[in-house]
Amino acid sequence: GGSLRLSCAASASIFSISAMGWYRQAPGKQR
């Protein structure tokens, strides 16, 4: 029921990045 905020800082300008995504992988499961 709680909340978290993940952040991902890029070394390049974000204007150079066409897409970004978040993936997750639990033990014994595929990403």
All heavy atoms as atom14 arrays in JSON, in Angstrom:
{
  "sequence": "GGSLRLSCAASASIFSISAMGWYRQAPGKQR",
  "atom14_mask": [
    [1, 1, 1, 1, 0, 0, 0, 0, 0, 0, 0, 0, 0, 0],
    [1, 1, 1, 1, 0, 0, 0, 0, 0, 0, 0, 0, 0, 0],
    [1, 1, 1, 1, 1, 1, 0, 0, 0, 0, 0, 0, 0, 0],
    [1, 1, 1, 1, 1, 1, 1, 1, 0, 0, 0, 0, 0, 0],
    [1, 1, 1, 1, 1, 1, 1, 1, 1, 1, 1, 0, 0, 0],
    [1, 1, 1, 1, 1, 1, 1, 1, 0, 0, 0, 0, 0, 0],
    [1, 1, 1, 1, 1, 1, 0, 0, 0, 0, 0, 0, 0, 0],
    [1, 1, 1, 1, 1, 1, 0, 0, 0, 0, 0, 0, 0, 0],
    [1, 1, 1, 1, 1, 0, 0, 0, 0, 0, 0, 0, 0, 0],
    [1, 1, 1, 1, 1, 0, 0, 0, 0, 0, 0, 0, 0, 0],
    [1, 1, 1, 1, 1, 1, 0, 0, 0, 0, 0, 0, 0, 0],
    [1, 1, 1, 1, 1, 0, 0, 0, 0, 0, 0, 0, 0, 0],
    [1, 1, 1, 1, 1, 1, 0, 0, 0, 0, 0, 0, 0, 0],
    [1, 1, 1, 1, 1, 1, 1, 1, 0, 0, 0, 0, 0, 0],
    [1, 1, 1, 1, 1, 1, 1, 1, 1, 1, 1, 0, 0, 0],
    [1, 1, 1, 1, 1, 1, 0, 0, 0, 0, 0, 0, 0, 0],
    [1, 1, 1, 1, 1, 1, 1, 1, 0, 0, 0, 0, 0, 0],
    [1, 1, 1, 1, 1, 1, 0, 0, 0, 0, 0, 0, 0, 0],
    [1, 1, 1, 1, 1, 0, 0, 0, 0, 0, 0, 0, 0, 0],
    [1, 1, 1, 1, 1, 1, 1, 1, 0, 0, 0, 0, 0, 0],
    [1, 1, 1, 1, 0, 0, 0, 0, 0, 0, 0, 0, 0, 0],
    [1, 1, 1, 1, 1, 1, 1, 1, 1, 1, 1, 1, 1, 1],
    [1, 1, 1, 1, 1, 1, 1, 1, 1, 1, 1, 1, 0, 0],
    [1, 1, 1, 1, 1, 1, 1, 1, 1, 1, 1, 0, 0, 0],
    [1, 1, 1, 1, 1, 1, 1, 1, 1, 0, 0, 0, 0, 0],
    [1, 1, 1, 1, 1, 0, 0, 0, 0, 0, 0, 0, 0, 0],
    [1, 1, 1, 1, 1, 1, 1, 0, 0, 0, 0, 0, 0, 0],
    [1, 1, 1, 1, 0, 0, 0, 0, 0, 0, 0, 0, 0, 0],
    [1, 1, 1, 1, 1, 1, 1, 1, 1, 0, 0, 0, 0, 0],
    [1, 1, 1, 1, 1, 1, 1, 1, 1, 0, 0, 0, 0, 0],
    [1, 1, 1, 1, 1, 1, 1, 1, 1, 1, 1, 0, 0, 0]
  ],
  "atom14_positions": [
    [[0.79, -1.21, 0.0], [0.0, 0.0, 0.0], [0.82, 1.27, 0.0], [0.28, 2.36, -0.22], [0.0, 0.0, 0.0], [0.0, 0.0, 0.0], [0.0, 0.0, 0.0], [0.0, 0.0, 0.0], [0.0, 0.0, 0.0], [0.0, 0.0, 0.0], [0.0, 0.0, 0.0], [0.0, 0.0, 0.0], [0.0, 0.0, 0.0], [0.0, 0.0, 0.0]],
    [[2.12, 1.14, 0.22], [3.0, 2.29, 0.24], [3.44, 2.72, -1.14], [3.01, 2.16, -2.15], [0.0, 0.0, 0.0], [0.0, 0.0, 0.0], [0.0, 0.0, 0.0], [0.0, 0.0, 0.0], [0.0, 0.0, 0.0], [0.0, 0.0, 0.0], [0.0, 0.0, 0.0], [0.0, 0.0, 0.0], [0.0, 0.0, 0.0], [0.0, 0.0, 0.0]],
    [[4.33, 3.71, -1.17], [4.79, 4.29, -2.43], [6.3, 4.42, -2.46], [6.95, 4.58, -1.42], [4.16, 5.67, -2.65], [2.75, 5.61, -2.73], [0.0, 0.0, 0.0], [0.0, 0.0, 0.0], [0.0, 0.0, 0.0], [0.0, 0.0, 0.0], [0.0, 0.0, 0.0], [0.0, 0.0, 0.0], [0.0, 0.0, 0.0], [0.0, 0.0, 0.0]],
    [[6.85, 4.37, -3.66], [8.25, 4.64, -3.92], [8.37, 5.38, -5.24], [7.53, 5.21, -6.13], [9.08, 3.36, -4.0], [9.44, 2.63, -2.71], [10.13, 1.31, -3.05], [10.34, 3.48, -1.83], [0.0, 0.0, 0.0], [0.0, 0.0, 0.0], [0.0, 0.0, 0.0], [0.0, 0.0, 0.0], [0.0, 0.0, 0.0], [0.0, 0.0, 0.0]],
    [[9.41, 6.18, -5.38], [9.71, 6.82, -6.65], [11.13, 6.46, -7.07], [12.09, 6.81, -6.38], [9.57, 8.34, -6.59], [9.67, 8.99, -7.98], [9.53, 10.5, -7.95], [10.71, 11.16, -7.42], [10.98, 12.46, -7.55], [10.11, 13.24, -8.2], [12.07, 12.97, -7.03], [0.0, 0.0, 0.0], [0.0, 0.0, 0.0], [0.0, 0.0, 0.0]],
    [[11.24, 5.77, -8.18], [12.53, 5.42, -8.74], [12.98, 6.51, -9.71], [12.17, 7.11, -10.4], [12.47, 4.09, -9.49], [11.92, 2.88, -8.72], [12.0, 1.64, -9.6], [12.66, 2.68, -7.41], [0.0, 0.0, 0.0], [0.0, 0.0, 0.0], [0.0, 0.0, 0.0], [0.0, 0.0, 0.0], [0.0, 0.0, 0.0], [0.0, 0.0, 0.0]],
    [[14.28, 6.76, -9.75], [14.82, 7.72, -10.67], [15.95, 7.1, -11.48], [16.64, 6.2, -11.01], [15.32, 8.98, -9.95], [16.39, 8.68, -9.09], [0.0, 0.0, 0.0], [0.0, 0.0, 0.0], [0.0, 0.0, 0.0], [0.0, 0.0, 0.0], [0.0, 0.0, 0.0], [0.0, 0.0, 0.0], [0.0, 0.0, 0.0], [0.0, 0.0, 0.0]],
    [[16.13, 7.59, -12.68], [17.17, 7.11, -13.58], [17.78, 8.32, -14.27], [17.13, 8.94, -15.13], [16.59, 6.13, -14.59], [17.76, 5.54, -15.83], [0.0, 0.0, 0.0], [0.0, 0.0, 0.0], [0.0, 0.0, 0.0], [0.0, 0.0, 0.0], [0.0, 0.0, 0.0], [0.0, 0.0, 0.0], [0.0, 0.0, 0.0], [0.0, 0.0, 0.0]],
    [[19.0, 8.67, -13.89], [19.68, 9.83, -14.44], [20.57, 9.41, -15.6], [21.38, 8.49, -15.47], [20.51, 10.53, -13.37], [0.0, 0.0, 0.0], [0.0, 0.0, 0.0], [0.0, 0.0, 0.0], [0.0, 0.0, 0.0], [0.0, 0.0, 0.0], [0.0, 0.0, 0.0], [0.0, 0.0, 0.0], [0.0, 0.0, 0.0], [0.0, 0.0, 0.0]],
    [[20.43, 10.09, -16.72], [21.19, 9.77, -17.93], [22.34, 10.75, -18.11], [22.2, 11.95, -17.88], [20.28, 9.81, -19.15], [0.0, 0.0, 0.0], [0.0, 0.0, 0.0], [0.0, 0.0, 0.0], [0.0, 0.0, 0.0], [0.0, 0.0, 0.0], [0.0, 0.0, 0.0], [0.0, 0.0, 0.0], [0.0, 0.0, 0.0], [0.0, 0.0, 0.0]],
    [[23.49, 10.23, -18.56], [24.65, 11.08, -18.78], [24.5, 11.93, -20.03], [25.08, 13.01, -20.12], [25.92, 10.22, -18.9], [25.83, 9.33, -19.99], [0.0, 0.0, 0.0], [0.0, 0.0, 0.0], [0.0, 0.0, 0.0], [0.0, 0.0, 0.0], [0.0, 0.0, 0.0], [0.0, 0.0, 0.0], [0.0, 0.0, 0.0], [0.0, 0.0, 0.0]],
    [[23.72, 11.47, -20.99], [23.47, 12.2, -22.22], [22.2, 13.03, -22.07], [21.35, 12.76, -21.22], [23.34, 11.26, -23.41], [0.0, 0.0, 0.0], [0.0, 0.0, 0.0], [0.0, 0.0, 0.0], [0.0, 0.0, 0.0], [0.0, 0.0, 0.0], [0.0, 0.0, 0.0], [0.0, 0.0, 0.0], [0.0, 0.0, 0.0], [0.0, 0.0, 0.0]],
    [[22.08, 14.03, -22.92], [20.87, 14.84, -22.94], [19.68, 13.95, -23.23], [19.73, 13.08, -24.1], [20.97, 15.94, -23.98], [19.73, 16.59, -24.17], [0.0, 0.0, 0.0], [0.0, 0.0, 0.0], [0.0, 0.0, 0.0], [0.0, 0.0, 0.0], [0.0, 0.0, 0.0], [0.0, 0.0, 0.0], [0.0, 0.0, 0.0], [0.0, 0.0, 0.0]],
    [[18.6, 14.18, -22.52], [17.41, 13.37, -22.71], [16.81, 13.57, -24.1], [16.06, 12.73, -24.58], [16.38, 13.64, -21.6], [15.41, 12.47, -21.45], [15.63, 14.94, -21.85], [14.62, 12.49, -20.17], [0.0, 0.0, 0.0], [0.0, 0.0, 0.0], [0.0, 0.0, 0.0], [0.0, 0.0, 0.0], [0.0, 0.0, 0.0], [0.0, 0.0, 0.0]],
    [[17.18, 14.66, -24.75], [16.71, 14.89, -26.12], [17.37, 13.94, -27.11], [16.88, 13.78, -28.23], [16.95, 16.34, -26.53], [16.12, 17.33, -25.78], [16.68, 18.17, -24.83], [14.76, 17.44, -26.02], [15.92, 19.08, -24.14], [13.98, 18.35, -25.34], [14.56, 19.18, -24.39], [0.0, 0.0, 0.0], [0.0, 0.0, 0.0], [0.0, 0.0, 0.0]],
    [[18.5, 13.33, -26.72], [19.16, 12.35, -27.57], [18.56, 10.96, -27.42], [18.91, 10.06, -28.18], [20.66, 12.3, -27.25], [21.28, 13.56, -27.47], [0.0, 0.0, 0.0], [0.0, 0.0, 0.0], [0.0, 0.0, 0.0], [0.0, 0.0, 0.0], [0.0, 0.0, 0.0], [0.0, 0.0, 0.0], [0.0, 0.0, 0.0], [0.0, 0.0, 0.0]],
    [[17.7, 10.79, -26.43], [17.1, 9.5, -26.12], [15.69, 9.45, -26.69], [14.85, 10.26, -26.32], [17.09, 9.25, -24.61], [18.52, 9.29, -24.07], [16.42, 7.93, -24.28], [18.62, 9.22, -22.56], [0.0, 0.0, 0.0], [0.0, 0.0, 0.0], [0.0, 0.0, 0.0], [0.0, 0.0, 0.0], [0.0, 0.0, 0.0], [0.0, 0.0, 0.0]],
    [[15.46, 8.49, -27.57], [14.16, 8.38, -28.22], [13.13, 7.66, -27.37], [11.93, 7.91, -27.51], [14.3, 7.68, -29.57], [14.82, 6.37, -29.42], [0.0, 0.0, 0.0], [0.0, 0.0, 0.0], [0.0, 0.0, 0.0], [0.0, 0.0, 0.0], [0.0, 0.0, 0.0], [0.0, 0.0, 0.0], [0.0, 0.0, 0.0], [0.0, 0.0, 0.0]],
    [[13.6, 6.76, -26.5], [12.68, 6.0, -25.67], [13.37, 5.57, -24.39], [14.59, 5.33, -24.37], [12.14, 4.78, -26.41], [0.0, 0.0, 0.0], [0.0, 0.0, 0.0], [0.0, 0.0, 0.0], [0.0, 0.0, 0.0], [0.0, 0.0, 0.0], [0.0, 0.0, 0.0], [0.0, 0.0, 0.0], [0.0, 0.0, 0.0], [0.0, 0.0, 0.0]],
    [[12.61, 5.47, -23.32], [13.12, 4.94, -22.06], [12.06, 4.03, -21.47], [10.87, 4.19, -21.74], [13.47, 6.05, -21.07], [14.57, 6.97, -21.55], [15.2, 8.06, -20.24], [16.16, 6.88, -19.28], [0.0, 0.0, 0.0], [0.0, 0.0, 0.0], [0.0, 0.0, 0.0], [0.0, 0.0, 0.0], [0.0, 0.0, 0.0], [0.0, 0.0, 0.0]],
    [[12.52, 3.08, -20.69], [11.59, 2.14, -20.08], [12.1, 1.6, -18.77], [13.3, 1.66, -18.48], [0.0, 0.0, 0.0], [0.0, 0.0, 0.0], [0.0, 0.0, 0.0], [0.0, 0.0, 0.0], [0.0, 0.0, 0.0], [0.0, 0.0, 0.0], [0.0, 0.0, 0.0], [0.0, 0.0, 0.0], [0.0, 0.0, 0.0], [0.0, 0.0, 0.0]],
    [[11.17, 1.09, -17.99], [11.48, 0.41, -16.75], [11.1, -1.05, -16.9], [10.0, -1.37, -17.35], [10.75, 1.03, -15.56], [11.26, 2.37, -15.15], [10.81, 3.58, -15.54], [12.35, 2.61, -14.24], [11.54, 4.58, -14.94], [12.49, 4.01, -14.14], [13.22, 1.79, -13.52], [13.47, 4.61, -13.34], [14.18, 2.38, -12.72], [14.3, 3.78, -12.64]],
    [[12.02, -1.93, -16.52], [11.8, -3.37, -16.51], [12.01, -3.87, -15.1], [12.65, -3.22, -14.28], [12.76, -4.07, -17.47], [12.53, -3.77, -18.93], [12.86, -2.53, -19.47], [11.99, -4.73, -19.79], [12.65, -2.26, -20.82], [11.79, -4.47, -21.13], [12.12, -3.22, -21.64], [11.92, -2.96, -22.97], [0.0, 0.0, 0.0], [0.0, 0.0, 0.0]],
    [[11.49, -5.05, -14.81], [11.73, -5.65, -13.51], [11.91, -7.15, -13.66], [11.39, -7.77, -14.58], [10.59, -5.34, -12.53], [9.26, -5.98, -12.87], [8.18, -5.48, -11.91], [6.89, -6.1, -12.17], [5.76, -5.74, -11.57], [5.76, -4.76, -10.66], [4.62, -6.36, -11.86], [0.0, 0.0, 0.0], [0.0, 0.0, 0.0], [0.0, 0.0, 0.0]],
    [[12.65, -7.72, -12.71], [12.9, -9.15, -12.71], [12.85, -9.67, -11.28], [13.63, -9.24, -10.44], [14.25, -9.47, -13.35], [14.51, -10.95, -13.53], [15.7, -11.23, -14.42], [16.57, -10.37, -14.59], [15.74, -12.41, -15.0], [0.0, 0.0, 0.0], [0.0, 0.0, 0.0], [0.0, 0.0, 0.0], [0.0, 0.0, 0.0], [0.0, 0.0, 0.0]],
    [[11.93, -10.58, -11.04], [11.8, -11.23, -9.75], [12.56, -12.56, -9.78], [12.78, -13.12, -10.86], [10.34, -11.47, -9.41], [0.0, 0.0, 0.0], [0.0, 0.0, 0.0], [0.0, 0.0, 0.0], [0.0, 0.0, 0.0], [0.0, 0.0, 0.0], [0.0, 0.0, 0.0], [0.0, 0.0, 0.0], [0.0, 0.0, 0.0], [0.0, 0.0, 0.0]],
    [[12.97, -13.08, -8.62], [13.69, -14.36, -8.6], [12.91, -15.47, -9.29], [11.71, -15.64, -9.04], [13.84, -14.63, -7.1], [13.82, -13.29, -6.47], [12.84, -12.5, -7.28], [0.0, 0.0, 0.0], [0.0, 0.0, 0.0], [0.0, 0.0, 0.0], [0.0, 0.0, 0.0], [0.0, 0.0, 0.0], [0.0, 0.0, 0.0], [0.0, 0.0, 0.0]],
    [[13.58, -16.19, -10.18], [12.96, -17.29, -10.88], [12.05, -16.9, -12.02], [11.41, -17.78, -12.61], [0.0, 0.0, 0.0], [0.0, 0.0, 0.0], [0.0, 0.0, 0.0], [0.0, 0.0, 0.0], [0.0, 0.0, 0.0], [0.0, 0.0, 0.0], [0.0, 0.0, 0.0], [0.0, 0.0, 0.0], [0.0, 0.0, 0.0], [0.0, 0.0, 0.0]],
    [[11.98, -15.62, -12.34], [11.12, -15.15, -13.42], [11.93, -14.39, -14.45], [13.02, -13.89, -14.17], [10.0, -14.26, -12.88], [9.08, -14.94, -11.89], [7.97, -14.01, -11.43], [7.03, -13.65, -12.56], [5.89, -12.8, -12.09], [0.0, 0.0, 0.0], [0.0, 0.0, 0.0], [0.0, 0.0, 0.0], [0.0, 0.0, 0.0], [0.0, 0.0, 0.0]],
    [[11.39, -14.3, -15.66], [12.04, -13.54, -16.72], [11.83, -12.05, -16.51], [10.87, -11.62, -15.87], [11.48, -13.95, -18.09], [11.8, -15.38, -18.5], [11.35, -15.69, -19.92], [10.8, -14.83, -20.61], [11.58, -16.91, -20.35], [0.0, 0.0, 0.0], [0.0, 0.0, 0.0], [0.0, 0.0, 0.0], [0.0, 0.0, 0.0], [0.0, 0.0, 0.0]],
    [[12.75, -11.27, -17.05], [12.61, -9.83, -16.99], [11.39, -9.4, -17.81], [11.19, -9.86, -18.93], [13.88, -9.15, -17.51], [13.91, -7.65, -17.32], [15.28, -7.08, -17.69], [16.33, -7.63, -16.85], [17.6, -7.24, -16.9], [17.98, -6.29, -17.74], [18.5, -7.8, -16.1], [0.0, 0.0, 0.0], [0.0, 0.0, 0.0], [0.0, 0.0, 0.0]]
  ]
}
